Amino acid sequence: LRLPEGLLARATPARLREAIGVLLDNALRHGE
């Protein structure tokens, strides 16, 4: 992780978590 503090964006928590979860799942399934 490289996550600086204080990053504020306009988003819906559930949508953002699900979208990032899809990308991490894609990296787990198809990446190395």
PDB file of all heavy atoms in Angstrom:
ATOM      1  N   LEU A   1       0.830  -1.200   0.000  1.00  0.00           N
ATOM      2  CA  LEU A   1       0.000   0.000   0.000  1.00  0.00           C
ATOM      3  C   LEU A   1       0.868   1.255   0.000  1.00  0.00           C
ATOM      4  O   LEU A   1       1.915   1.294   0.649  1.00  0.00           O
ATOM      5  CB  LEU A   1      -0.910   0.025   1.239  1.00  0.00           C
ATOM      6  CG  LEU A   1      -1.862  -1.152   1.458  1.00  0.00           C
ATOM      7  CD1 LEU A   1      -2.681  -0.920   2.718  1.00  0.00           C
ATOM      8  CD2 LEU A   1      -2.768  -1.345   0.266  1.00  0.00           C
ATOM      9  N   ARG A   2       0.412   2.261  -0.722  1.00  0.00           N
ATOM     10  CA  ARG A   2       0.977   3.612  -0.652  1.00  0.00           C
ATOM     11  C   ARG A   2      -0.207   4.570  -0.635  1.00  0.00           C
ATOM     12  O   ARG A   2      -0.734   4.965  -1.690  1.00  0.00           O
ATOM     13  CB  ARG A   2       1.903   3.888  -1.832  1.00  0.00           C
ATOM     14  CG  ARG A   2       3.208   3.129  -1.780  1.00  0.00           C
ATOM     15  CD  ARG A   2       4.250   3.720  -2.726  1.00  0.00           C
ATOM     16  NE  ARG A   2       3.823   3.611  -4.112  1.00  0.00           N
ATOM     17  CZ  ARG A   2       4.061   2.559  -4.888  1.00  0.00           C
ATOM     18  NH1 ARG A   2       4.732   1.516  -4.402  1.00  0.00           N
ATOM     19  NH2 ARG A   2       3.658   2.535  -6.134  1.00  0.00           N
ATOM     20  N   LEU A   3      -0.630   4.914   0.579  1.00  0.00           N
ATOM     21  CA  LEU A   3      -1.858   5.696   0.753  1.00  0.00           C
ATOM     22  C   LEU A   3      -1.552   6.915   1.607  1.00  0.00           C
ATOM     23  O   LEU A   3      -1.474   6.813   2.840  1.00  0.00           O
ATOM     24  CB  LEU A   3      -2.954   4.849   1.420  1.00  0.00           C
ATOM     25  CG  LEU A   3      -3.317   3.530   0.734  1.00  0.00           C
ATOM     26  CD1 LEU A   3      -4.317   2.756   1.584  1.00  0.00           C
ATOM     27  CD2 LEU A   3      -3.877   3.790  -0.655  1.00  0.00           C
ATOM     28  N   PRO A   4      -1.372   8.077   1.022  1.00  0.00           N
ATOM     29  CA  PRO A   4      -1.173   9.285   1.819  1.00  0.00           C
ATOM     30  C   PRO A   4      -2.450   9.655   2.563  1.00  0.00           C
ATOM     31  O   PRO A   4      -3.558   9.345   2.118  1.00  0.00           O
ATOM     32  CB  PRO A   4      -0.807  10.343   0.768  1.00  0.00           C
ATOM     33  CG  PRO A   4      -1.405   9.831  -0.503  1.00  0.00           C
ATOM     34  CD  PRO A   4      -1.337   8.346  -0.429  1.00  0.00           C
ATOM     35  N   GLU A   5      -2.293  10.309   3.690  1.00  0.00           N
ATOM     36  CA  GLU A   5      -3.451  10.702   4.483  1.00  0.00           C
ATOM     37  C   GLU A   5      -4.107  11.952   3.907  1.00  0.00           C
ATOM     38  O   GLU A   5      -3.472  12.764   3.243  1.00  0.00           O
ATOM     39  CB  GLU A   5      -3.035  10.955   5.934  1.00  0.00           C
ATOM     40  CG  GLU A   5      -2.508   9.720   6.642  1.00  0.00           C
ATOM     41  CD  GLU A   5      -2.160  10.015   8.085  1.00  0.00           C
ATOM     42  OE1 GLU A   5      -2.307  11.193   8.493  1.00  0.00           O
ATOM     43  OE2 GLU A   5      -1.737   9.083   8.795  1.00  0.00           O
ATOM     44  N   GLY A   6      -5.399  12.065   4.199  1.00  0.00           N
ATOM     45  CA  GLY A   6      -6.107  13.296   3.842  1.00  0.00           C
ATOM     46  C   GLY A   6      -6.603  13.380   2.421  1.00  0.00           C
ATOM     47  O   GLY A   6      -6.925  14.466   1.950  1.00  0.00           O
ATOM     48  N   LEU A   7      -6.687  12.226   1.702  1.00  0.00           N
ATOM     49  CA  LEU A   7      -7.236  12.249   0.343  1.00  0.00           C
ATOM     50  C   LEU A   7      -8.758  12.194   0.425  1.00  0.00           C
ATOM     51  O   LEU A   7      -9.333  11.192   0.824  1.00  0.00           O
ATOM     52  CB  LEU A   7      -6.704  11.057  -0.451  1.00  0.00           C
ATOM     53  CG  LEU A   7      -5.262  11.132  -0.938  1.00  0.00           C
ATOM     54  CD1 LEU A   7      -4.894   9.875  -1.704  1.00  0.00           C
ATOM     55  CD2 LEU A   7      -5.053  12.361  -1.810  1.00  0.00           C
ATOM     56  N   LEU A   8      -9.401  13.284   0.049  1.00  0.00           N
ATOM     57  CA  LEU A   8     -10.855  13.371   0.102  1.00  0.00           C
ATOM     58  C   LEU A   8     -11.406  13.452  -1.317  1.00  0.00           C
ATOM     59  O   LEU A   8     -10.996  14.310  -2.099  1.00  0.00           O
ATOM     60  CB  LEU A   8     -11.299  14.598   0.902  1.00  0.00           C
ATOM     61  CG  LEU A   8     -10.879  14.642   2.376  1.00  0.00           C
ATOM     62  CD1 LEU A   8     -11.359  15.919   3.030  1.00  0.00           C
ATOM     63  CD2 LEU A   8     -11.433  13.425   3.106  1.00  0.00           C
ATOM     64  N   ALA A   9     -12.326  12.561  -1.631  1.00  0.00           N
ATOM     65  CA  ALA A   9     -12.951  12.554  -2.946  1.00  0.00           C
ATOM     66  C   ALA A   9     -14.449  12.373  -2.766  1.00  0.00           C
ATOM     67  O   ALA A   9     -14.932  11.956  -1.703  1.00  0.00           O
ATOM     68  CB  ALA A   9     -12.380  11.425  -3.807  1.00  0.00           C
ATOM     69  N   ARG A  10     -15.190  12.686  -3.800  1.00  0.00           N
ATOM     70  CA  ARG A  10     -16.636  12.460  -3.785  1.00  0.00           C
ATOM     71  C   ARG A  10     -16.909  11.078  -4.364  1.00  0.00           C
ATOM     72  O   ARG A  10     -16.645  10.817  -5.537  1.00  0.00           O
ATOM     73  CB  ARG A  10     -17.355  13.534  -4.583  1.00  0.00           C
ATOM     74  CG  ARG A  10     -17.359  14.903  -3.931  1.00  0.00           C
ATOM     75  CD  ARG A  10     -18.276  15.868  -4.665  1.00  0.00           C
ATOM     76  NE  ARG A  10     -19.651  15.383  -4.709  1.00  0.00           N
ATOM     77  CZ  ARG A  10     -20.532  15.514  -3.719  1.00  0.00           C
ATOM     78  NH1 ARG A  10     -20.171  16.124  -2.587  1.00  0.00           N
ATOM     79  NH2 ARG A  10     -21.748  15.060  -3.832  1.00  0.00           N
ATOM     80  N   ALA A  11     -17.446  10.206  -3.524  1.00  0.00           N
ATOM     81  CA  ALA A  11     -17.722   8.836  -3.955  1.00  0.00           C
ATOM     82  C   ALA A  11     -18.702   8.216  -2.977  1.00  0.00           C
ATOM     83  O   ALA A  11     -18.933   8.732  -1.881  1.00  0.00           O
ATOM     84  CB  ALA A  11     -16.438   8.003  -4.027  1.00  0.00           C
ATOM     85  N   THR A  12     -19.288   7.113  -3.397  1.00  0.00           N
ATOM     86  CA  THR A  12     -20.163   6.324  -2.526  1.00  0.00           C
ATOM     87  C   THR A  12     -19.340   5.204  -1.919  1.00  0.00           C
ATOM     88  O   THR A  12     -18.694   4.450  -2.662  1.00  0.00           O
ATOM     89  CB  THR A  12     -21.337   5.734  -3.326  1.00  0.00           C
ATOM     90  OG1 THR A  12     -22.030   6.795  -3.990  1.00  0.00           O
ATOM     91  CG2 THR A  12     -22.297   4.991  -2.423  1.00  0.00           C
ATOM     92  N   PRO A  13     -19.303   5.068  -0.595  1.00  0.00           N
ATOM     93  CA  PRO A  13     -18.428   4.057   0.025  1.00  0.00           C
ATOM     94  C   PRO A  13     -18.622   2.654  -0.531  1.00  0.00           C
ATOM     95  O   PRO A  13     -17.651   1.978  -0.867  1.00  0.00           O
ATOM     96  CB  PRO A  13     -18.813   4.132   1.510  1.00  0.00           C
ATOM     97  CG  PRO A  13     -19.327   5.522   1.696  1.00  0.00           C
ATOM     98  CD  PRO A  13     -20.008   5.874   0.412  1.00  0.00           C
ATOM     99  N   ALA A  14     -19.877   2.212  -0.654  1.00  0.00           N
ATOM    100  CA  ALA A  14     -20.112   0.841  -1.109  1.00  0.00           C
ATOM    101  C   ALA A  14     -19.627   0.642  -2.545  1.00  0.00           C
ATOM    102  O   ALA A  14     -19.040  -0.389  -2.875  1.00  0.00           O
ATOM    103  CB  ALA A  14     -21.602   0.511  -1.010  1.00  0.00           C
ATOM    104  N   ARG A  15     -19.868   1.632  -3.396  1.00  0.00           N
ATOM    105  CA  ARG A  15     -19.443   1.501  -4.798  1.00  0.00           C
ATOM    106  C   ARG A  15     -17.921   1.482  -4.911  1.00  0.00           C
ATOM    107  O   ARG A  15     -17.359   0.684  -5.669  1.00  0.00           O
ATOM    108  CB  ARG A  15     -20.027   2.648  -5.615  1.00  0.00           C
ATOM    109  CG  ARG A  15     -21.552   2.593  -5.788  1.00  0.00           C
ATOM    110  CD  ARG A  15     -22.054   3.841  -6.482  1.00  0.00           C
ATOM    111  NE  ARG A  15     -23.510   3.824  -6.602  1.00  0.00           N
ATOM    112  CZ  ARG A  15     -24.236   4.889  -6.952  1.00  0.00           C
ATOM    113  NH1 ARG A  15     -23.631   6.042  -7.203  1.00  0.00           N
ATOM    114  NH2 ARG A  15     -25.553   4.796  -7.038  1.00  0.00           N
ATOM    115  N   LEU A  16     -17.267   2.376  -4.168  1.00  0.00           N
ATOM    116  CA  LEU A  16     -15.803   2.423  -4.239  1.00  0.00           C
ATOM    117  C   LEU A  16     -15.205   1.118  -3.728  1.00  0.00           C
ATOM    118  O   LEU A  16     -14.292   0.558  -4.343  1.00  0.00           O
ATOM    119  CB  LEU A  16     -15.286   3.609  -3.426  1.00  0.00           C
ATOM    120  CG  LEU A  16     -13.761   3.743  -3.358  1.00  0.00           C
ATOM    121  CD1 LEU A  16     -13.191   3.948  -4.754  1.00  0.00           C
ATOM    122  CD2 LEU A  16     -13.364   4.904  -2.440  1.00  0.00           C
ATOM    123  N   ARG A  17     -15.712   0.610  -2.592  1.00  0.00           N
ATOM    124  CA  ARG A  17     -15.176  -0.634  -2.036  1.00  0.00           C
ATOM    125  C   ARG A  17     -15.374  -1.783  -3.010  1.00  0.00           C
ATOM    126  O   ARG A  17     -14.488  -2.622  -3.192  1.00  0.00           O
ATOM    127  CB  ARG A  17     -15.866  -0.943  -0.705  1.00  0.00           C
ATOM    128  CG  ARG A  17     -15.543   0.050   0.391  1.00  0.00           C
ATOM    129  CD  ARG A  17     -16.473  -0.135   1.591  1.00  0.00           C
ATOM    130  NE  ARG A  17     -16.209  -1.406   2.251  1.00  0.00           N
ATOM    131  CZ  ARG A  17     -15.382  -1.542   3.276  1.00  0.00           C
ATOM    132  NH1 ARG A  17     -14.719  -0.495   3.752  1.00  0.00           N
ATOM    133  NH2 ARG A  17     -15.199  -2.715   3.843  1.00  0.00           N
ATOM    134  N   GLU A  18     -16.542  -1.841  -3.639  1.00  0.00           N
ATOM    135  CA  GLU A  18     -16.799  -2.939  -4.566  1.00  0.00           C
ATOM    136  C   GLU A  18     -15.917  -2.825  -5.811  1.00  0.00           C
ATOM    137  O   GLU A  18     -15.385  -3.816  -6.303  1.00  0.00           O
ATOM    138  CB  GLU A  18     -18.268  -2.937  -4.972  1.00  0.00           C
ATOM    139  CG  GLU A  18     -18.656  -4.021  -5.962  1.00  0.00           C
ATOM    140  CD  GLU A  18     -18.472  -5.415  -5.403  1.00  0.00           C
ATOM    141  OE1 GLU A  18     -18.398  -5.556  -4.163  1.00  0.00           O
ATOM    142  OE2 GLU A  18     -18.386  -6.367  -6.205  1.00  0.00           O
ATOM    143  N   ALA A  19     -15.762  -1.611  -6.344  1.00  0.00           N
ATOM    144  CA  ALA A  19     -14.944  -1.436  -7.547  1.00  0.00           C
ATOM    145  C   ALA A  19     -13.484  -1.812  -7.271  1.00  0.00           C
ATOM    146  O   ALA A  19     -12.865  -2.540  -8.056  1.00  0.00           O
ATOM    147  CB  ALA A  19     -15.041   0.012  -8.039  1.00  0.00           C
ATOM    148  N   ILE A  20     -12.934  -1.348  -6.142  1.00  0.00           N
ATOM    149  CA  ILE A  20     -11.554  -1.704  -5.809  1.00  0.00           C
ATOM    150  C   ILE A  20     -11.446  -3.197  -5.524  1.00  0.00           C
ATOM    151  O   ILE A  20     -10.450  -3.845  -5.875  1.00  0.00           O
ATOM    152  CB  ILE A  20     -11.067  -0.869  -4.605  1.00  0.00           C
ATOM    153  CG1 ILE A  20     -11.136   0.630  -4.934  1.00  0.00           C
ATOM    154  CG2 ILE A  20      -9.642  -1.261  -4.237  1.00  0.00           C
ATOM    155  CD1 ILE A  20     -10.322   1.031  -6.148  1.00  0.00           C
ATOM    156  N   GLY A  21     -12.477  -3.754  -4.895  1.00  0.00           N
ATOM    157  CA  GLY A  21     -12.484  -5.194  -4.661  1.00  0.00           C
ATOM    158  C   GLY A  21     -12.447  -5.986  -5.954  1.00  0.00           C
ATOM    159  O   GLY A  21     -11.770  -7.018  -6.053  1.00  0.00           O
ATOM    160  N   VAL A  22     -13.165  -5.514  -6.978  1.00  0.00           N
ATOM    161  CA  VAL A  22     -13.132  -6.184  -8.285  1.00  0.00           C
ATOM    162  C   VAL A  22     -11.728  -6.135  -8.874  1.00  0.00           C
ATOM    163  O   VAL A  22     -11.230  -7.137  -9.413  1.00  0.00           O
ATOM    164  CB  VAL A  22     -14.153  -5.533  -9.241  1.00  0.00           C
ATOM    165  CG1 VAL A  22     -13.934  -6.012 -10.677  1.00  0.00           C
ATOM    166  CG2 VAL A  22     -15.574  -5.847  -8.801  1.00  0.00           C
ATOM    167  N   LEU A  23     -11.068  -4.981  -8.773  1.00  0.00           N
ATOM    168  CA  LEU A  23      -9.726  -4.853  -9.321  1.00  0.00           C
ATOM    169  C   LEU A  23      -8.729  -5.739  -8.572  1.00  0.00           C
ATOM    170  O   LEU A  23      -7.848  -6.357  -9.191  1.00  0.00           O
ATOM    171  CB  LEU A  23      -9.275  -3.391  -9.274  1.00  0.00           C
ATOM    172  CG  LEU A  23     -10.110  -2.408 -10.117  1.00  0.00           C
ATOM    173  CD1 LEU A  23      -9.585  -0.986  -9.963  1.00  0.00           C
ATOM    174  CD2 LEU A  23     -10.132  -2.817 -11.585  1.00  0.00           C
ATOM    175  N   LEU A  24      -8.845  -5.822  -7.253  1.00  0.00           N
ATOM    176  CA  LEU A  24      -7.958  -6.700  -6.483  1.00  0.00           C
ATOM    177  C   LEU A  24      -8.238  -8.167  -6.786  1.00  0.00           C
ATOM    178  O   LEU A  24      -7.307  -8.983  -6.869  1.00  0.00           O
ATOM    179  CB  LEU A  24      -8.120  -6.419  -4.985  1.00  0.00           C
ATOM    180  CG  LEU A  24      -7.600  -5.065  -4.501  1.00  0.00           C
ATOM    181  CD1 LEU A  24      -7.941  -4.855  -3.035  1.00  0.00           C
ATOM    182  CD2 LEU A  24      -6.100  -4.950  -4.719  1.00  0.00           C
ATOM    183  N   ASP A  25      -9.504  -8.504  -6.956  1.00  0.00           N
ATOM    184  CA  ASP A  25      -9.850  -9.882  -7.320  1.00  0.00           C
ATOM    185  C   ASP A  25      -9.299 -10.221  -8.705  1.00  0.00           C
ATOM    186  O   ASP A  25      -8.824 -11.341  -8.943  1.00  0.00           O
ATOM    187  CB  ASP A  25     -11.365 -10.050  -7.291  1.00  0.00           C
ATOM    188  CG  ASP A  25     -11.791 -11.461  -7.655  1.00  0.00           C
ATOM    189  OD1 ASP A  25     -11.480 -12.398  -6.897  1.00  0.00           O
ATOM    190  OD2 ASP A  25     -12.439 -11.636  -8.711  1.00  0.00           O
ATOM    191  N   ASN A  26      -9.364  -9.252  -9.617  1.00  0.00           N
ATOM    192  CA  ASN A  26      -8.810  -9.468 -10.953  1.00  0.00           C
ATOM    193  C   ASN A  26      -7.294  -9.695 -10.883  1.00  0.00           C
ATOM    194  O   ASN A  26      -6.751 -10.569 -11.574  1.00  0.00           O
ATOM    195  CB  ASN A  26      -9.129  -8.256 -11.837  1.00  0.00           C
ATOM    196  CG  ASN A  26      -8.713  -8.464 -13.278  1.00  0.00           C
ATOM    197  OD1 ASN A  26      -9.344  -9.211 -14.024  1.00  0.00           O
ATOM    198  ND2 ASN A  26      -7.640  -7.797 -13.683  1.00  0.00           N
ATOM    199  N   ALA A  27      -6.613  -8.919 -10.012  1.00  0.00           N
ATOM    200  CA  ALA A  27      -5.165  -9.114  -9.843  1.00  0.00           C
ATOM    201  C   ALA A  27      -4.849 -10.463  -9.206  1.00  0.00           C
ATOM    202  O   ALA A  27      -3.852 -11.108  -9.538  1.00  0.00           O
ATOM    203  CB  ALA A  27      -4.598  -7.984  -8.983  1.00  0.00           C
ATOM    204  N   LEU A  28      -5.710 -10.913  -8.294  1.00  0.00           N
ATOM    205  CA  LEU A  28      -5.498 -12.209  -7.655  1.00  0.00           C
ATOM    206  C   LEU A  28      -5.697 -13.351  -8.643  1.00  0.00           C
ATOM    207  O   LEU A  28      -4.920 -14.319  -8.659  1.00  0.00           O
ATOM    208  CB  LEU A  28      -6.467 -12.353  -6.471  1.00  0.00           C
ATOM    209  CG  LEU A  28      -6.501 -13.713  -5.770  1.00  0.00           C
ATOM    210  CD1 LEU A  28      -5.150 -14.023  -5.145  1.00  0.00           C
ATOM    211  CD2 LEU A  28      -7.595 -13.734  -4.710  1.00  0.00           C
ATOM    212  N   ARG A  29      -6.719 -13.248  -9.478  1.00  0.00           N
ATOM    213  CA  ARG A  29      -7.057 -14.342 -10.396  1.00  0.00           C
ATOM    214  C   ARG A  29      -6.123 -14.396 -11.596  1.00  0.00           C
ATOM    215  O   ARG A  29      -5.713 -15.472 -12.027  1.00  0.00           O
ATOM    216  CB  ARG A  29      -8.504 -14.189 -10.884  1.00  0.00           C
ATOM    217  CG  ARG A  29      -9.554 -14.421  -9.812  1.00  0.00           C
ATOM    218  CD  ARG A  29     -10.938 -14.101 -10.365  1.00  0.00           C
ATOM    219  NE  ARG A  29     -11.982 -14.306  -9.381  1.00  0.00           N
ATOM    220  CZ  ARG A  29     -12.644 -15.456  -9.225  1.00  0.00           C
ATOM    221  NH1 ARG A  29     -12.363 -16.489  -9.995  1.00  0.00           N
ATOM    222  NH2 ARG A  29     -13.591 -15.560  -8.303  1.00  0.00           N
ATOM    223  N   HIS A  30      -5.809 -13.238 -12.172  1.00  0.00           N
ATOM    224  CA  HIS A  30      -5.122 -13.214 -13.460  1.00  0.00           C
ATOM    225  C   HIS A  30      -3.696 -12.665 -13.377  1.00  0.00           C
ATOM    226  O   HIS A  30      -2.987 -12.726 -14.385  1.00  0.00           O
ATOM    227  CB  HIS A  30      -5.925 -12.369 -14.462  1.00  0.00           C
ATOM    228  CG  HIS A  30      -7.362 -12.790 -14.572  1.00  0.00           C
ATOM    229  ND1 HIS A  30      -7.746 -14.020 -15.048  1.00  0.00           N
ATOM    230  CD2 HIS A  30      -8.517 -12.133 -14.257  1.00  0.00           C
ATOM    231  CE1 HIS A  30      -9.069 -14.110 -15.034  1.00  0.00           C
ATOM    232  NE2 HIS A  30      -9.559 -12.969 -14.555  1.00  0.00           N
ATOM    233  N   GLY A  31      -3.319 -12.094 -12.219  1.00  0.00           N
ATOM    234  CA  GLY A  31      -1.997 -11.503 -12.113  1.00  0.00           C
ATOM    235  C   GLY A  31      -1.017 -12.398 -11.370  1.00  0.00           C
ATOM    236  O   GLY A  31      -1.311 -13.526 -10.999  1.00  0.00           O
ATOM    237  N   GLU A  32       0.163 -11.856 -11.156  1.00  0.00           N
ATOM    238  CA  GLU A  32       1.223 -12.576 -10.446  1.00  0.00           C
ATOM    239  C   GLU A  32       1.986 -11.581  -9.592  1.00  0.00           C
ATOM    240  O   GLU A  32       1.897 -10.359  -9.791  1.00  0.00           O
ATOM    241  CB  GLU A  32       2.189 -13.253 -11.435  1.00  0.00           C
ATOM    242  CG  GLU A  32       1.561 -14.335 -12.300  1.00  0.00           C
ATOM    243  CD  GLU A  32       2.549 -14.900 -13.316  1.00  0.00           C
ATOM    244  OE1 GLU A  32       3.713 -14.434 -13.318  1.00  0.00           O
ATOM    245  OE2 GLU A  32       2.152 -15.771 -14.103  1.00  0.00           O
TER     246      GLU A  32
END
